[in-house]
Amino acid sequence: MRIKAILFDLDNTLMDRDWTFQQFARQLIDECLIDMSGEEQARLLAYMIKSDADGYRSKQGYFLELIEKLPWIEKPSLEELTSYYGLNYMTHARAMAYALDTLLQCRASGLKLGIITNGASSHQHNKIDSLQLRPYVDTIVVSGDIGIHKPDPRIYHLALEKLGTSAEETVIVGDHPRNDIWGAAQLGIRGVWLQRAHAWDQTLTGGKPWHTIQQLNELIPLLRIEIASCQK
């Protein structure tokens, strides 16, 4: 069946979260921690990135851990560190390589586009607006707005309803094996896995990627081949 719509994950798919978090962590080390060698700074940066777990742990728990373990100039409270994060994190935000061009080409091909993302409502909408992604898409589904998270099938059903397409007419692009690819596959949505930090979970059955890519600019050639084959 012809592809009529594309759903995109946000973090580490349309937004380069790895870069954004790394630059924020560097800023925190430079501004808030005691003077140290470059080697020690690199060690702390690696620890902060690993402990953050790609954003999949609670911010409160993560910040409490940092407060206890980092060598602060002046140890902050949870409220102070949360505020510091809120003020500075998104100043480092950037779109994933080829993200905007890919969205433009998808639009030019007549495809409907959507964003489907897990996360707190205000945080995810702030990311979308900071990167100026909203004008490119037809619908946005944020888990924090509806109280349903990927890979719950209801969140994909809602996205399909908003797009006005069937599962068979829709493709999802994302970096997380379970939340993006496997979860959507349970409804029959084909998944394009953008390989980033997450290895494929071999325990996942019945939901392998339709295609695997390393960069978003690989998506358009795949879609053109599929659209051309459907037109024969």
C-alpha atoms as a PDB file:
ATOM      1  CA  MET A   1       0.000   0.000   0.000  1.00  0.00           C
ATOM      2  CA  ARG A   2       1.256   3.470  -0.865  1.00  0.00           C
ATOM      3  CA  ILE A   3       2.898   5.508   1.899  1.00  0.00           C
ATOM      4  CA  LYS A   4       0.822   8.578   2.732  1.00  0.00           C
ATOM      5  CA  ALA A   5       2.270   9.723   6.077  1.00  0.00           C
ATOM      6  CA  ILE A   6       5.449   9.713   8.154  1.00  0.00           C
ATOM      7  CA  LEU A   7       5.590   9.862  11.943  1.00  0.00           C
ATOM      8  CA  PHE A   8       8.855  11.127  13.442  1.00  0.00           C
ATOM      9  CA  ASP A   9      10.150  10.638  16.957  1.00  0.00           C
ATOM     10  CA  LEU A  10      11.635  13.803  18.468  1.00  0.00           C
ATOM     11  CA  ASP A  11      14.638  13.176  20.741  1.00  0.00           C
ATOM     12  CA  ASN A  12      17.611  11.807  18.817  1.00  0.00           C
ATOM     13  CA  THR A  13      15.533  11.674  15.658  1.00  0.00           C
ATOM     14  CA  LEU A  14      14.538  15.244  14.732  1.00  0.00           C
ATOM     15  CA  MET A  15      16.439  16.821  17.636  1.00  0.00           C
ATOM     16  CA  ASP A  16      20.071  15.923  18.262  1.00  0.00           C
ATOM     17  CA  ARG A  17      19.661  15.205  21.954  1.00  0.00           C
ATOM     18  CA  ASP A  18      23.142  13.682  22.284  1.00  0.00           C
ATOM     19  CA  TRP A  19      24.754  16.949  21.200  1.00  0.00           C
ATOM     20  CA  THR A  20      22.356  19.086  23.222  1.00  0.00           C
ATOM     21  CA  PHE A  21      22.917  17.203  26.458  1.00  0.00           C
ATOM     22  CA  GLN A  22      26.673  16.981  25.992  1.00  0.00           C
ATOM     23  CA  GLN A  23      26.972  20.736  25.488  1.00  0.00           C
ATOM     24  CA  PHE A  24      24.772  21.405  28.513  1.00  0.00           C
ATOM     25  CA  ALA A  25      26.930  19.078  30.621  1.00  0.00           C
ATOM     26  CA  ARG A  26      30.069  20.881  29.463  1.00  0.00           C
ATOM     27  CA  GLN A  27      28.551  24.213  30.477  1.00  0.00           C
ATOM     28  CA  LEU A  28      27.652  22.889  33.924  1.00  0.00           C
ATOM     29  CA  ILE A  29      31.186  21.545  34.435  1.00  0.00           C
ATOM     30  CA  ASP A  30      32.724  24.861  33.366  1.00  0.00           C
ATOM     31  CA  GLU A  31      30.421  27.105  35.399  1.00  0.00           C
ATOM     32  CA  CYS A  32      29.446  25.152  38.494  1.00  0.00           C
ATOM     33  CA  LEU A  33      32.225  22.717  39.412  1.00  0.00           C
ATOM     34  CA  ILE A  34      35.634  23.272  40.997  1.00  0.00           C
ATOM     35  CA  ASP A  35      38.690  23.705  38.788  1.00  0.00           C
ATOM     36  CA  MET A  36      40.066  20.406  37.548  1.00  0.00           C
ATOM     37  CA  SER A  37      42.275  18.909  34.883  1.00  0.00           C
ATOM     38  CA  GLY A  38      41.054  18.232  31.385  1.00  0.00           C
ATOM     39  CA  GLU A  39      41.265  14.519  32.118  1.00  0.00           C
ATOM     40  CA  GLU A  40      39.010  14.863  35.156  1.00  0.00           C
ATOM     41  CA  GLN A  41      36.556  17.018  33.188  1.00  0.00           C
ATOM     42  CA  ALA A  42      36.380  14.313  30.509  1.00  0.00           C
ATOM     43  CA  ARG A  43      35.754  11.663  33.177  1.00  0.00           C
ATOM     44  CA  LEU A  44      32.924  13.659  34.731  1.00  0.00           C
ATOM     45  CA  LEU A  45      31.405  14.386  31.324  1.00  0.00           C
ATOM     46  CA  ALA A  46      31.381  10.677  30.481  1.00  0.00           C
ATOM     47  CA  TYR A  47      29.803   9.904  33.865  1.00  0.00           C
ATOM     48  CA  MET A  48      27.074  12.529  33.411  1.00  0.00           C
ATOM     49  CA  ILE A  49      26.211  11.218  29.948  1.00  0.00           C
ATOM     50  CA  LYS A  50      26.103   7.572  31.059  1.00  0.00           C
ATOM     51  CA  SER A  51      24.118   8.294  34.214  1.00  0.00           C
ATOM     52  CA  ASP A  52      21.568  10.339  32.274  1.00  0.00           C
ATOM     53  CA  ALA A  53      20.636   7.120  30.429  1.00  0.00           C
ATOM     54  CA  ASP A  54      19.761   8.989  27.242  1.00  0.00           C
ATOM     55  CA  GLY A  55      17.091  10.908  29.146  1.00  0.00           C
ATOM     56  CA  TYR A  56      15.112   7.801  30.093  1.00  0.00           C
ATOM     57  CA  ARG A  57      15.434   8.221  33.857  1.00  0.00           C
ATOM     58  CA  SER A  58      13.575  10.760  35.968  1.00  0.00           C
ATOM     59  CA  LYS A  59      15.157  14.184  36.094  1.00  0.00           C
ATOM     60  CA  GLN A  60      14.600  14.421  39.844  1.00  0.00           C
ATOM     61  CA  GLY A  61      16.485  11.202  40.528  1.00  0.00           C
ATOM     62  CA  TYR A  62      19.246  12.169  38.138  1.00  0.00           C
ATOM     63  CA  PHE A  63      19.673  15.639  39.599  1.00  0.00           C
ATOM     64  CA  LEU A  64      19.734  14.305  43.177  1.00  0.00           C
ATOM     65  CA  GLU A  65      22.519  11.933  42.148  1.00  0.00           C
ATOM     66  CA  LEU A  66      24.518  14.759  40.556  1.00  0.00           C
ATOM     67  CA  ILE A  67      24.095  16.926  43.637  1.00  0.00           C
ATOM     68  CA  GLU A  68      25.665  14.215  45.792  1.00  0.00           C
ATOM     69  CA  LYS A  69      28.444  13.096  43.434  1.00  0.00           C
ATOM     70  CA  LEU A  70      29.763  16.144  41.583  1.00  0.00           C
ATOM     71  CA  PRO A  71      32.491  18.431  43.035  1.00  0.00           C
ATOM     72  CA  TRP A  72      30.453  21.633  43.177  1.00  0.00           C
ATOM     73  CA  ILE A  73      31.848  25.077  43.837  1.00  0.00           C
ATOM     74  CA  GLU A  74      28.674  25.523  45.871  1.00  0.00           C
ATOM     75  CA  LYS A  75      26.352  22.531  46.155  1.00  0.00           C
ATOM     76  CA  PRO A  76      22.918  23.450  44.726  1.00  0.00           C
ATOM     77  CA  SER A  77      19.509  22.402  45.999  1.00  0.00           C
ATOM     78  CA  LEU A  78      17.295  20.256  43.800  1.00  0.00           C
ATOM     79  CA  GLU A  79      15.244  23.336  42.961  1.00  0.00           C
ATOM     80  CA  GLU A  80      18.348  25.320  41.991  1.00  0.00           C
ATOM     81  CA  LEU A  81      19.738  22.585  39.739  1.00  0.00           C
ATOM     82  CA  THR A  82      16.341  22.046  38.142  1.00  0.00           C
ATOM     83  CA  SER A  83      16.137  25.772  37.442  1.00  0.00           C
ATOM     84  CA  TYR A  84      19.666  25.833  36.012  1.00  0.00           C
ATOM     85  CA  TYR A  85      18.744  23.001  33.670  1.00  0.00           C
ATOM     86  CA  GLY A  86      15.551  24.753  32.601  1.00  0.00           C
ATOM     87  CA  LEU A  87      17.392  27.986  31.835  1.00  0.00           C
ATOM     88  CA  ASN A  88      20.325  26.504  29.960  1.00  0.00           C
ATOM     89  CA  TYR A  89      19.592  23.111  28.416  1.00  0.00           C
ATOM     90  CA  MET A  90      17.667  24.268  25.361  1.00  0.00           C
ATOM     91  CA  THR A  91      20.166  27.032  24.578  1.00  0.00           C
ATOM     92  CA  HIS A  92      22.306  24.211  23.154  1.00  0.00           C
ATOM     93  CA  ALA A  93      19.537  22.549  21.146  1.00  0.00           C
ATOM     94  CA  ARG A  94      20.080  21.771  17.494  1.00  0.00           C
ATOM     95  CA  ALA A  95      18.186  19.759  14.931  1.00  0.00           C
ATOM     96  CA  MET A  96      19.492  16.388  13.864  1.00  0.00           C
ATOM     97  CA  ALA A  97      21.634  16.423  10.738  1.00  0.00           C
ATOM     98  CA  TYR A  98      19.441  16.587   7.608  1.00  0.00           C
ATOM     99  CA  ALA A  99      16.251  16.860   9.709  1.00  0.00           C
ATOM    100  CA  LEU A 100      14.844  20.050   8.201  1.00  0.00           C
ATOM    101  CA  ASP A 101      15.766  19.125   4.641  1.00  0.00           C
ATOM    102  CA  THR A 102      14.159  15.704   5.122  1.00  0.00           C
ATOM    103  CA  LEU A 103      10.959  17.285   6.404  1.00  0.00           C
ATOM    104  CA  LEU A 104      10.893  19.689   3.470  1.00  0.00           C
ATOM    105  CA  GLN A 105      11.371  16.897   0.952  1.00  0.00           C
ATOM    106  CA  CYS A 106       8.681  14.794   2.596  1.00  0.00           C
ATOM    107  CA  ARG A 107       6.280  17.729   2.386  1.00  0.00           C
ATOM    108  CA  ALA A 108       7.208  18.304  -1.252  1.00  0.00           C
ATOM    109  CA  SER A 109       6.352  14.662  -1.929  1.00  0.00           C
ATOM    110  CA  GLY A 110       2.825  15.254  -0.640  1.00  0.00           C
ATOM    111  CA  LEU A 111       3.232  13.214   2.544  1.00  0.00           C
ATOM    112  CA  LYS A 112       1.449  14.031   5.770  1.00  0.00           C
ATOM    113  CA  LEU A 113       3.878  14.459   8.665  1.00  0.00           C
ATOM    114  CA  GLY A 114       3.602  14.071  12.407  1.00  0.00           C
ATOM    115  CA  ILE A 115       5.728  14.083  15.540  1.00  0.00           C
ATOM    116  CA  ILE A 116       5.097  11.439  18.203  1.00  0.00           C
ATOM    117  CA  THR A 117       7.175  11.789  21.359  1.00  0.00           C
ATOM    118  CA  ASN A 118       7.352  10.714  24.979  1.00  0.00           C
ATOM    119  CA  GLY A 119       8.050  13.365  27.596  1.00  0.00           C
ATOM    120  CA  ALA A 120       6.640  16.140  29.713  1.00  0.00           C
ATOM    121  CA  SER A 121       4.280  18.376  27.766  1.00  0.00           C
ATOM    122  CA  SER A 122       6.026  21.700  28.332  1.00  0.00           C
ATOM    123  CA  HIS A 123       9.513  20.271  27.692  1.00  0.00           C
ATOM    124  CA  GLN A 124       8.636  18.546  24.427  1.00  0.00           C
ATOM    125  CA  HIS A 125       6.626  21.459  23.026  1.00  0.00           C
ATOM    126  CA  ASN A 126       9.485  23.790  23.963  1.00  0.00           C
ATOM    127  CA  LYS A 127      11.899  21.602  21.993  1.00  0.00           C
ATOM    128  CA  ILE A 128       9.599  21.576  18.973  1.00  0.00           C
ATOM    129  CA  ASP A 129       9.203  25.358  19.036  1.00  0.00           C
ATOM    130  CA  SER A 130      12.875  26.095  19.764  1.00  0.00           C
ATOM    131  CA  LEU A 131      13.865  24.077  16.704  1.00  0.00           C
ATOM    132  CA  GLN A 132      11.000  25.621  14.679  1.00  0.00           C
ATOM    133  CA  LEU A 133       9.634  22.208  13.701  1.00  0.00           C
ATOM    134  CA  ARG A 134       5.936  22.951  14.150  1.00  0.00           C
ATOM    135  CA  PRO A 135       5.357  24.509  10.700  1.00  0.00           C
ATOM    136  CA  TYR A 136       6.649  21.352   9.004  1.00  0.00           C
ATOM    137  CA  VAL A 137       4.173  18.898  10.515  1.00  0.00           C
ATOM    138  CA  ASP A 138       0.438  18.283  10.391  1.00  0.00           C
ATOM    139  CA  THR A 139       0.051  16.877  13.882  1.00  0.00           C
ATOM    140  CA  ILE A 140       1.975  16.510  17.139  1.00  0.00           C
ATOM    141  CA  VAL A 141       1.309  13.844  19.767  1.00  0.00           C
ATOM    142  CA  VAL A 142       3.117  14.335  23.091  1.00  0.00           C
ATOM    143  CA  SER A 143       2.703  11.693  25.780  1.00  0.00           C
ATOM    144  CA  GLY A 144       2.590  14.334  28.490  1.00  0.00           C
ATOM    145  CA  ASP A 145      -0.483  15.890  26.873  1.00  0.00           C
ATOM    146  CA  ILE A 146      -2.522  12.687  26.937  1.00  0.00           C
ATOM    147  CA  GLY A 147      -1.092  10.484  29.691  1.00  0.00           C
ATOM    148  CA  ILE A 148      -0.192   7.675  27.278  1.00  0.00           C
ATOM    149  CA  HIS A 149       3.396   6.764  26.421  1.00  0.00           C
ATOM    150  CA  LYS A 150       5.028   4.852  23.608  1.00  0.00           C
ATOM    151  CA  PRO A 151       4.916   1.865  23.132  1.00  0.00           C
ATOM    152  CA  ASP A 152       1.285   1.847  24.341  1.00  0.00           C
ATOM    153  CA  PRO A 153      -0.701   1.114  21.148  1.00  0.00           C
ATOM    154  CA  ARG A 154      -3.232   3.818  21.998  1.00  0.00           C
ATOM    155  CA  ILE A 155      -0.727   6.602  21.316  1.00  0.00           C
ATOM    156  CA  TYR A 156      -0.121   5.313  17.777  1.00  0.00           C
ATOM    157  CA  HIS A 157      -3.866   4.908  17.208  1.00  0.00           C
ATOM    158  CA  LEU A 158      -4.312   8.554  18.197  1.00  0.00           C
ATOM    159  CA  ALA A 159      -1.554   9.671  15.827  1.00  0.00           C
ATOM    160  CA  LEU A 160      -3.106   7.739  12.944  1.00  0.00           C
ATOM    161  CA  GLU A 161      -6.506   9.248  13.716  1.00  0.00           C
ATOM    162  CA  LYS A 162      -5.043  12.739  13.661  1.00  0.00           C
ATOM    163  CA  LEU A 163      -3.219  12.083  10.382  1.00  0.00           C
ATOM    164  CA  GLY A 164      -6.241  10.443   8.801  1.00  0.00           C
ATOM    165  CA  THR A 165      -4.226   7.494   7.519  1.00  0.00           C
ATOM    166  CA  SER A 166      -4.182   3.766   8.157  1.00  0.00           C
ATOM    167  CA  ALA A 167      -1.288   1.906   9.769  1.00  0.00           C
ATOM    168  CA  GLU A 168      -0.394   0.352   6.412  1.00  0.00           C
ATOM    169  CA  GLU A 169      -0.159   3.806   4.821  1.00  0.00           C
ATOM    170  CA  THR A 170       2.099   5.161   7.569  1.00  0.00           C
ATOM    171  CA  VAL A 171       5.819   4.868   8.360  1.00  0.00           C
ATOM    172  CA  ILE A 172       7.497   5.789  11.646  1.00  0.00           C
ATOM    173  CA  VAL A 173      11.088   7.006  11.950  1.00  0.00           C
ATOM    174  CA  GLY A 174      12.792   6.784  15.331  1.00  0.00           C
ATOM    175  CA  ASP A 175      15.876   5.757  17.279  1.00  0.00           C
ATOM    176  CA  HIS A 176      14.379   3.680  20.105  1.00  0.00           C
ATOM    177  CA  PRO A 177      13.873  -0.017  19.267  1.00  0.00           C
ATOM    178  CA  ARG A 178      10.920  -0.658  21.586  1.00  0.00           C
ATOM    179  CA  ASN A 179       9.214   2.731  21.787  1.00  0.00           C
ATOM    180  CA  ASP A 180       9.449   3.658  18.129  1.00  0.00           C
ATOM    181  CA  ILE A 181       9.914   0.592  15.955  1.00  0.00           C
ATOM    182  CA  TRP A 182       8.529  -2.423  17.823  1.00  0.00           C
ATOM    183  CA  GLY A 183       5.618  -0.563  19.393  1.00  0.00           C
ATOM    184  CA  ALA A 184       4.396   0.871  16.104  1.00  0.00           C
ATOM    185  CA  ALA A 185       4.894  -2.464  14.335  1.00  0.00           C
ATOM    186  CA  GLN A 186       2.290  -4.044  16.598  1.00  0.00           C
ATOM    187  CA  LEU A 187      -0.280  -1.985  14.702  1.00  0.00           C
ATOM    188  CA  GLY A 188       1.232  -2.652  11.279  1.00  0.00           C
ATOM    189  CA  ILE A 189       3.149   0.657  10.989  1.00  0.00           C
ATOM    190  CA  ARG A 190       6.426   0.114   9.166  1.00  0.00           C
ATOM    191  CA  GLY A 191       9.457   1.377  11.046  1.00  0.00           C
ATOM    192  CA  VAL A 192      12.642   3.038   9.832  1.00  0.00           C
ATOM    193  CA  TRP A 193      15.179   2.670  12.625  1.00  0.00           C
ATOM    194  CA  LEU A 194      17.640   5.564  12.910  1.00  0.00           C
ATOM    195  CA  GLN A 195      20.539   3.878  14.676  1.00  0.00           C
ATOM    196  CA  ARG A 196      21.929   5.979  17.499  1.00  0.00           C
ATOM    197  CA  ALA A 197      22.892   4.930  21.036  1.00  0.00           C
ATOM    198  CA  HIS A 198      20.377   2.113  21.438  1.00  0.00           C
ATOM    199  CA  ALA A 199      21.307  -1.396  20.343  1.00  0.00           C
ATOM    200  CA  TRP A 200      18.517  -3.573  19.013  1.00  0.00           C
ATOM    201  CA  ASP A 201      16.790  -5.509  21.804  1.00  0.00           C
ATOM    202  CA  GLN A 202      16.939  -9.122  20.664  1.00  0.00           C
ATOM    203  CA  THR A 203      14.033 -10.039  22.950  1.00  0.00           C
ATOM    204  CA  LEU A 204      11.687  -7.989  20.758  1.00  0.00           C
ATOM    205  CA  THR A 205       9.742 -10.228  18.399  1.00  0.00           C
ATOM    206  CA  GLY A 206       7.250  -9.406  15.693  1.00  0.00           C
ATOM    207  CA  GLY A 207       8.488  -5.902  15.101  1.00  0.00           C
ATOM    208  CA  LYS A 208      11.797  -5.732  13.271  1.00  0.00           C
ATOM    209  CA  PRO A 209      12.663  -2.541  11.364  1.00  0.00           C
ATOM    210  CA  TRP A 210      11.387  -2.201   7.821  1.00  0.00           C
ATOM    211  CA  HIS A 211      14.672  -0.408   7.093  1.00  0.00           C
ATOM    212  CA  THR A 212      17.681   0.745   9.137  1.00  0.00           C
ATOM    213  CA  ILE A 213      19.464   4.035   8.438  1.00  0.00           C
ATOM    214  CA  GLN A 214      22.405   5.909   9.930  1.00  0.00           C
ATOM    215  CA  GLN A 215      21.395   9.427   8.857  1.00  0.00           C
ATOM    216  CA  LEU A 216      18.074  11.040   8.009  1.00  0.00           C
ATOM    217  CA  ASN A 217      19.162  11.850   4.455  1.00  0.00           C
ATOM    218  CA  GLU A 218      18.897   8.112   3.730  1.00  0.00           C
ATOM    219  CA  LEU A 219      15.123   8.247   4.258  1.00  0.00           C
ATOM    220  CA  ILE A 220      14.023  10.057   1.082  1.00  0.00           C
ATOM    221  CA  PRO A 221      15.669   7.589  -1.360  1.00  0.00           C
ATOM    222  CA  LEU A 222      13.948   4.710   0.482  1.00  0.00           C
ATOM    223  CA  LEU A 223      10.578   6.406   0.223  1.00  0.00           C
ATOM    224  CA  ARG A 224      11.049   7.237  -3.452  1.00  0.00           C
ATOM    225  CA  ILE A 225      11.797   3.594  -4.236  1.00  0.00           C
ATOM    226  CA  GLU A 226       8.707   2.470  -2.318  1.00  0.00           C
ATOM    227  CA  ILE A 227       6.430   5.102  -3.904  1.00  0.00           C
ATOM    228  CA  ALA A 228       7.721   4.241  -7.377  1.00  0.00           C
ATOM    229  CA  SER A 229       7.102   0.535  -6.842  1.00  0.00           C
ATOM    230  CA  CYS A 230       3.510   1.246  -5.773  1.00  0.00           C
ATOM    231  CA  GLN A 231       2.886   3.247  -8.920  1.00  0.00           C
ATOM    232  CA  LYS A 232       3.848   0.409 -11.280  1.00  0.00           C
END
